[in-house]
Structures are given as structure tokens and as C-alpha cells.
């Protein structure tokens, strides 16, 4: 699966089609609670806690936890725990 990382940006950016290569690829282990455990296979996401992740075919997520360390040499595996990003509420008149 492909994952794009968006930092410090507009929450609406997750709704726009991503026209650049993914920041990393990985395998996904969904849970019953909607949280995803993503094992990074190639590429390395930053550790920015405010980053938003757009997961191919699944939508926008935010980082809950980062475990392990990723490197181009594959020294240790890197697993991200992501939760669905809540949509900003729109005030009603």
C-alpha cells in the first residue's frame, strides 16, 4: 500500500488527489477499532507528530505511535500506528 505524508498543512489537503510519488510503502494490519498498524517496507516517514498520512484507498490518518527505527539498510523494522483523522466540524447556522 502507498502512503503520503502531509505536514503542517490544510486539513482539506487529504481530500485532494495526491499527484506525487508516495513517501513510503508498507503493509497494513487493520484492527477492529479502525486503527491501522503499518509496517514500513520502503521509504522512511518523518517523526513529525503533527503530520497527516493519506493511506491509499483508506483516507486520512494521524500518528498515534511510531515503533522501531527505519533506515534504507533495514536494520530494524518500523511500525506506525495510525488512527483515522476526524473531520473538522462545520458549524451549522
C-alpha atoms as a PDB file:
ATOM      1  CA  UNK A   1       0.000   0.000   0.000  1.00  0.00           C
ATOM      2  CA  UNK A   2       1.116   3.559  -0.726  1.00  0.00           C
ATOM      3  CA  UNK A   3       1.222   6.286   1.935  1.00  0.00           C
ATOM      4  CA  UNK A   4       1.704  10.030   1.562  1.00  0.00           C
ATOM      5  CA  UNK A   5       2.766  12.213   4.460  1.00  0.00           C
ATOM      6  CA  UNK A   6       1.430  15.767   4.672  1.00  0.00           C
ATOM      7  CA  UNK A   7       2.864  18.150   7.249  1.00  0.00           C
ATOM      8  CA  UNK A   8       1.570  21.330   8.778  1.00  0.00           C
ATOM      9  CA  UNK A   9      -0.922  21.831   6.059  1.00  0.00           C
ATOM     10  CA  UNK A  10      -4.500  22.342   5.254  1.00  0.00           C
ATOM     11  CA  UNK A  11      -6.833  19.600   6.582  1.00  0.00           C
ATOM     12  CA  UNK A  12      -8.601  19.680   3.212  1.00  0.00           C
ATOM     13  CA  UNK A  13      -5.381  18.500   1.514  1.00  0.00           C
ATOM     14  CA  UNK A  14      -6.323  14.918   2.358  1.00  0.00           C
ATOM     15  CA  UNK A  15      -9.303  15.227   0.031  1.00  0.00           C
ATOM     16  CA  UNK A  16      -7.204  16.290  -2.963  1.00  0.00           C
ATOM     17  CA  UNK A  17      -5.719  13.641  -5.233  1.00  0.00           C
ATOM     18  CA  UNK A  18      -2.053  13.073  -4.478  1.00  0.00           C
ATOM     19  CA  UNK A  19      -0.057  13.796  -7.609  1.00  0.00           C
ATOM     20  CA  UNK A  20       3.409  12.966  -6.342  1.00  0.00           C
ATOM     21  CA  UNK A  21       5.038   9.627  -5.597  1.00  0.00           C
ATOM     22  CA  UNK A  22       4.222   8.150  -2.183  1.00  0.00           C
ATOM     23  CA  UNK A  23       6.537   8.967   0.709  1.00  0.00           C
ATOM     24  CA  UNK A  24       6.657   5.324   1.737  1.00  0.00           C
ATOM     25  CA  UNK A  25       5.061   1.958   1.135  1.00  0.00           C
ATOM     26  CA  UNK A  26       4.069  -0.658   3.650  1.00  0.00           C
ATOM     27  CA  UNK A  27       1.840  -3.487   4.689  1.00  0.00           C
ATOM     28  CA  UNK A  28      -1.292  -2.804   6.663  1.00  0.00           C
ATOM     29  CA  UNK A  29      -2.806  -4.666   9.578  1.00  0.00           C
ATOM     30  CA  UNK A  30      -6.204  -3.151  10.348  1.00  0.00           C
ATOM     31  CA  UNK A  31      -7.821  -3.617  13.736  1.00  0.00           C
ATOM     32  CA  UNK A  32     -11.469  -3.722  14.738  1.00  0.00           C
ATOM     33  CA  UNK A  33     -11.228  -0.210  16.154  1.00  0.00           C
ATOM     34  CA  UNK A  34     -10.276   1.382  12.825  1.00  0.00           C
ATOM     35  CA  UNK A  35      -6.651   1.855  13.870  1.00  0.00           C
ATOM     36  CA  UNK A  36      -4.059   0.745  11.311  1.00  0.00           C
ATOM     37  CA  UNK A  37      -0.693  -0.796  12.073  1.00  0.00           C
ATOM     38  CA  UNK A  38       1.544  -0.035   9.098  1.00  0.00           C
ATOM     39  CA  UNK A  39       4.864  -1.820   8.741  1.00  0.00           C
ATOM     40  CA  UNK A  40       7.063   0.355   6.528  1.00  0.00           C
ATOM     41  CA  UNK A  41       8.686  -1.603   3.699  1.00  0.00           C
ATOM     42  CA  UNK A  42      10.369   1.170   1.717  1.00  0.00           C
ATOM     43  CA  UNK A  43      10.929   4.851   2.369  1.00  0.00           C
ATOM     44  CA  UNK A  44      11.051   6.446   5.808  1.00  0.00           C
ATOM     45  CA  UNK A  45       8.356   8.716   7.227  1.00  0.00           C
ATOM     46  CA  UNK A  46       9.426  11.626   9.384  1.00  0.00           C
ATOM     47  CA  UNK A  47       8.705  11.617  13.087  1.00  0.00           C
ATOM     48  CA  UNK A  48       6.602  14.787  12.899  1.00  0.00           C
ATOM     49  CA  UNK A  49       3.761  14.231  15.421  1.00  0.00           C
ATOM     50  CA  UNK A  50       1.528  16.742  13.625  1.00  0.00           C
ATOM     51  CA  UNK A  51       1.819  15.001  10.265  1.00  0.00           C
ATOM     52  CA  UNK A  52      -1.203  13.640   8.473  1.00  0.00           C
ATOM     53  CA  UNK A  53      -0.959  10.425   6.495  1.00  0.00           C
ATOM     54  CA  UNK A  54      -3.061   9.659   3.450  1.00  0.00           C
ATOM     55  CA  UNK A  55      -3.320   5.889   3.019  1.00  0.00           C
ATOM     56  CA  UNK A  56      -4.160   4.685  -0.472  1.00  0.00           C
ATOM     57  CA  UNK A  57      -7.792   3.613  -0.627  1.00  0.00           C
ATOM     58  CA  UNK A  58      -8.421   4.360   3.060  1.00  0.00           C
ATOM     59  CA  UNK A  59      -8.225   8.130   3.605  1.00  0.00           C
ATOM     60  CA  UNK A  60      -6.550  10.408   6.135  1.00  0.00           C
ATOM     61  CA  UNK A  61      -4.929   9.247   9.366  1.00  0.00           C
ATOM     62  CA  UNK A  62      -2.924  10.757  12.200  1.00  0.00           C
ATOM     63  CA  UNK A  63       0.019   9.255  14.039  1.00  0.00           C
ATOM     64  CA  UNK A  64      -0.615   7.558  17.374  1.00  0.00           C
ATOM     65  CA  UNK A  65       2.702   5.736  17.788  1.00  0.00           C
ATOM     66  CA  UNK A  66       5.971   5.059  15.995  1.00  0.00           C
ATOM     67  CA  UNK A  67       7.874   1.916  16.976  1.00  0.00           C
ATOM     68  CA  UNK A  68      11.298   0.776  15.871  1.00  0.00           C
ATOM     69  CA  UNK A  69      13.552   2.634  13.518  1.00  0.00           C
ATOM     70  CA  UNK A  70      13.577   2.688   9.783  1.00  0.00           C
ATOM     71  CA  UNK A  71      16.570   3.019   7.575  1.00  0.00           C
ATOM     72  CA  UNK A  72      17.499   2.379   3.999  1.00  0.00           C
ATOM     73  CA  UNK A  73      19.562  -0.554   5.274  1.00  0.00           C
ATOM     74  CA  UNK A  74      16.642  -2.251   7.032  1.00  0.00           C
ATOM     75  CA  UNK A  75      18.374  -2.531  10.399  1.00  0.00           C
ATOM     76  CA  UNK A  76      15.095  -2.675  12.316  1.00  0.00           C
ATOM     77  CA  UNK A  77      11.521  -2.667  11.251  1.00  0.00           C
ATOM     78  CA  UNK A  78       9.420   0.446  11.603  1.00  0.00           C
ATOM     79  CA  UNK A  79       5.747   0.176  12.541  1.00  0.00           C
ATOM     80  CA  UNK A  80       3.375   3.142  12.633  1.00  0.00           C
ATOM     81  CA  UNK A  81       0.083   3.061  14.490  1.00  0.00           C
ATOM     82  CA  UNK A  82      -2.364   5.375  12.748  1.00  0.00           C
ATOM     83  CA  UNK A  83      -5.903   6.365  13.678  1.00  0.00           C
ATOM     84  CA  UNK A  84      -8.497   7.825  11.344  1.00  0.00           C
ATOM     85  CA  UNK A  85      -8.314  11.587  11.274  1.00  0.00           C
ATOM     86  CA  UNK A  86     -11.521  13.158  12.440  1.00  0.00           C
ATOM     87  CA  UNK A  87     -13.100  15.605  10.043  1.00  0.00           C
ATOM     88  CA  UNK A  88     -13.190  19.178  11.256  1.00  0.00           C
ATOM     89  CA  UNK A  89     -16.664  20.061  12.363  1.00  0.00           C
ATOM     90  CA  UNK A  90     -18.543  22.558  10.228  1.00  0.00           C
ATOM     91  CA  UNK A  91     -20.659  25.000  12.218  1.00  0.00           C
ATOM     92  CA  UNK A  92     -24.355  24.847  11.446  1.00  0.00           C
ATOM     93  CA  UNK A  93     -26.453  28.028  11.220  1.00  0.00           C
END
